[in-house]
Amino acid sequence: MKRIGVLTSGGDAPGMNAAIRAVVRQAAMLGLEVIGVRRGYAGLIQGEFLPLGPRDVANILQRGGNGPPHRPQPGFHDPGGTGEGLPKAD
């Protein structure tokens, strides 16, 4: 099965929940597995992943924001930091 990840960097962004829902629903129709990343870039580095399916995003439009506030992740400013989370995603 093919897999895609959904990552947001946080902050208020009108329409972000609708975009997340659309990605998850379309991926399900195409037979793709969707993995969400908690806490933005910090969650990517620390391997904080969760599976997302249509039921997980069914009422997302009524929720405000797109999760807890995310802070900039210093590791992504270092050339080696961007690849830290990739082995954890396998």
C-alpha atoms as a PDB file:
ATOM      1  CA  MET A   1       0.000   0.000   0.000  1.00  0.00           C
ATOM      2  CA  LYS A   2       1.201   3.488  -0.772  1.00  0.00           C
ATOM      3  CA  ARG A   3       1.350   6.013   2.027  1.00  0.00           C
ATOM      4  CA  ILE A   4       1.274   9.812   2.226  1.00  0.00           C
ATOM      5  CA  GLY A   5       1.856  12.156   5.157  1.00  0.00           C
ATOM      6  CA  VAL A   6      -0.054  15.244   6.229  1.00  0.00           C
ATOM      7  CA  LEU A   7       1.989  17.891   8.013  1.00  0.00           C
ATOM      8  CA  THR A   8       1.021  21.438   8.923  1.00  0.00           C
ATOM      9  CA  SER A   9       3.366  23.967  10.434  1.00  0.00           C
ATOM     10  CA  GLY A  10       0.647  25.392  12.699  1.00  0.00           C
ATOM     11  CA  GLY A  11      -0.837  28.810  13.105  1.00  0.00           C
ATOM     12  CA  ASP A  12      -4.182  30.099  11.977  1.00  0.00           C
ATOM     13  CA  ALA A  13      -4.826  29.352   8.333  1.00  0.00           C
ATOM     14  CA  PRO A  14      -8.419  29.584   7.098  1.00  0.00           C
ATOM     15  CA  GLY A  15      -9.355  26.497   5.142  1.00  0.00           C
ATOM     16  CA  MET A  16      -6.570  24.262   6.512  1.00  0.00           C
ATOM     17  CA  ASN A  17      -8.999  21.807   8.144  1.00  0.00           C
ATOM     18  CA  ALA A  18     -10.965  21.590   4.891  1.00  0.00           C
ATOM     19  CA  ALA A  19      -7.738  20.880   3.013  1.00  0.00           C
ATOM     20  CA  ILE A  20      -6.723  18.155   5.475  1.00  0.00           C
ATOM     21  CA  ARG A  21     -10.165  16.568   5.191  1.00  0.00           C
ATOM     22  CA  ALA A  22     -10.046  16.677   1.392  1.00  0.00           C
ATOM     23  CA  VAL A  23      -6.611  15.033   1.296  1.00  0.00           C
ATOM     24  CA  VAL A  24      -7.663  12.240   3.658  1.00  0.00           C
ATOM     25  CA  ARG A  25     -10.952  11.563   1.860  1.00  0.00           C
ATOM     26  CA  GLN A  26      -9.400  11.567  -1.620  1.00  0.00           C
ATOM     27  CA  ALA A  27      -6.549   9.344  -0.460  1.00  0.00           C
ATOM     28  CA  ALA A  28      -9.056   6.844   0.957  1.00  0.00           C
ATOM     29  CA  MET A  29     -10.890   6.765  -2.377  1.00  0.00           C
ATOM     30  CA  LEU A  30      -7.573   6.034  -4.122  1.00  0.00           C
ATOM     31  CA  GLY A  31      -6.623   3.312  -1.649  1.00  0.00           C
ATOM     32  CA  LEU A  32      -3.769   5.278  -0.047  1.00  0.00           C
ATOM     33  CA  GLU A  33      -2.835   5.190   3.620  1.00  0.00           C
ATOM     34  CA  VAL A  34      -2.613   8.629   5.289  1.00  0.00           C
ATOM     35  CA  ILE A  35      -0.338   9.370   8.217  1.00  0.00           C
ATOM     36  CA  GLY A  36      -0.778  12.604  10.182  1.00  0.00           C
ATOM     37  CA  VAL A  37       2.132  14.281  11.938  1.00  0.00           C
ATOM     38  CA  ARG A  38       1.431  15.718  15.385  1.00  0.00           C
ATOM     39  CA  ARG A  39       3.077  18.973  16.527  1.00  0.00           C
ATOM     40  CA  GLY A  40       4.345  20.014  13.091  1.00  0.00           C
ATOM     41  CA  TYR A  41       8.050  19.748  12.356  1.00  0.00           C
ATOM     42  CA  ALA A  42       8.891  18.769  15.948  1.00  0.00           C
ATOM     43  CA  GLY A  43       6.556  15.782  15.603  1.00  0.00           C
ATOM     44  CA  LEU A  44       8.190  14.836  12.324  1.00  0.00           C
ATOM     45  CA  ILE A  45      11.621  14.709  13.942  1.00  0.00           C
ATOM     46  CA  GLN A  46      10.348  12.893  17.046  1.00  0.00           C
ATOM     47  CA  GLY A  47       8.224  10.399  15.112  1.00  0.00           C
ATOM     48  CA  GLU A  48       4.805  11.482  16.398  1.00  0.00           C
ATOM     49  CA  PHE A  49       2.580   9.955  13.732  1.00  0.00           C
ATOM     50  CA  LEU A  50      -1.042   8.822  13.703  1.00  0.00           C
ATOM     51  CA  PRO A  51      -3.118   7.124  11.023  1.00  0.00           C
ATOM     52  CA  LEU A  52      -5.856   9.300   9.503  1.00  0.00           C
ATOM     53  CA  GLY A  53      -8.980   7.949   7.857  1.00  0.00           C
ATOM     54  CA  PRO A  54     -12.290   9.457   6.757  1.00  0.00           C
ATOM     55  CA  ARG A  55     -13.844   8.956  10.207  1.00  0.00           C
ATOM     56  CA  ASP A  56     -10.942  10.812  11.835  1.00  0.00           C
ATOM     57  CA  VAL A  57     -11.657  13.938   9.798  1.00  0.00           C
ATOM     58  CA  ALA A  58     -15.467  13.675   9.620  1.00  0.00           C
ATOM     59  CA  ASN A  59     -16.121  16.635  11.958  1.00  0.00           C
ATOM     60  CA  ILE A  60     -12.879  18.527  11.448  1.00  0.00           C
ATOM     61  CA  LEU A  61     -14.613  21.500   9.799  1.00  0.00           C
ATOM     62  CA  GLN A  62     -16.382  22.360  13.061  1.00  0.00           C
ATOM     63  CA  ARG A  63     -13.117  22.437  15.024  1.00  0.00           C
ATOM     64  CA  GLY A  64     -11.143  25.636  15.282  1.00  0.00           C
ATOM     65  CA  GLY A  65      -7.463  25.721  14.400  1.00  0.00           C
ATOM     66  CA  ASN A  66      -5.476  22.775  13.142  1.00  0.00           C
ATOM     67  CA  GLY A  67      -4.249  21.333  16.405  1.00  0.00           C
ATOM     68  CA  PRO A  68      -2.072  22.684  19.201  1.00  0.00           C
ATOM     69  CA  PRO A  69       0.189  25.665  18.501  1.00  0.00           C
ATOM     70  CA  HIS A  70       3.424  24.709  16.787  1.00  0.00           C
ATOM     71  CA  ARG A  71       6.707  26.400  17.475  1.00  0.00           C
ATOM     72  CA  PRO A  72       9.486  26.719  14.908  1.00  0.00           C
ATOM     73  CA  GLN A  73      11.709  23.651  15.044  1.00  0.00           C
ATOM     74  CA  PRO A  74      15.411  24.615  15.259  1.00  0.00           C
ATOM     75  CA  GLY A  75      16.531  21.225  13.885  1.00  0.00           C
ATOM     76  CA  PHE A  76      15.117  22.106  10.491  1.00  0.00           C
ATOM     77  CA  HIS A  77      17.545  25.006  10.197  1.00  0.00           C
ATOM     78  CA  ASP A  78      20.489  22.595  10.358  1.00  0.00           C
ATOM     79  CA  PRO A  79      21.357  20.707   7.155  1.00  0.00           C
ATOM     80  CA  GLY A  80      21.289  17.350   8.986  1.00  0.00           C
ATOM     81  CA  GLY A  81      18.090  18.064  10.941  1.00  0.00           C
ATOM     82  CA  THR A  82      15.687  17.776   8.052  1.00  0.00           C
ATOM     83  CA  GLY A  83      16.343  14.084   7.585  1.00  0.00           C
ATOM     84  CA  GLU A  84      16.089  13.055  11.253  1.00  0.00           C
ATOM     85  CA  GLY A  85      12.397  12.133  11.092  1.00  0.00           C
ATOM     86  CA  LEU A  86      12.496  10.144   7.879  1.00  0.00           C
ATOM     87  CA  PRO A  87      13.695   6.821   9.351  1.00  0.00           C
ATOM     88  CA  LYS A  88      10.922   7.038  11.962  1.00  0.00           C
ATOM     89  CA  ALA A  89       8.275   7.288   9.237  1.00  0.00           C
ATOM     90  CA  ASP A  90       8.981   3.797   7.828  1.00  0.00           C
END
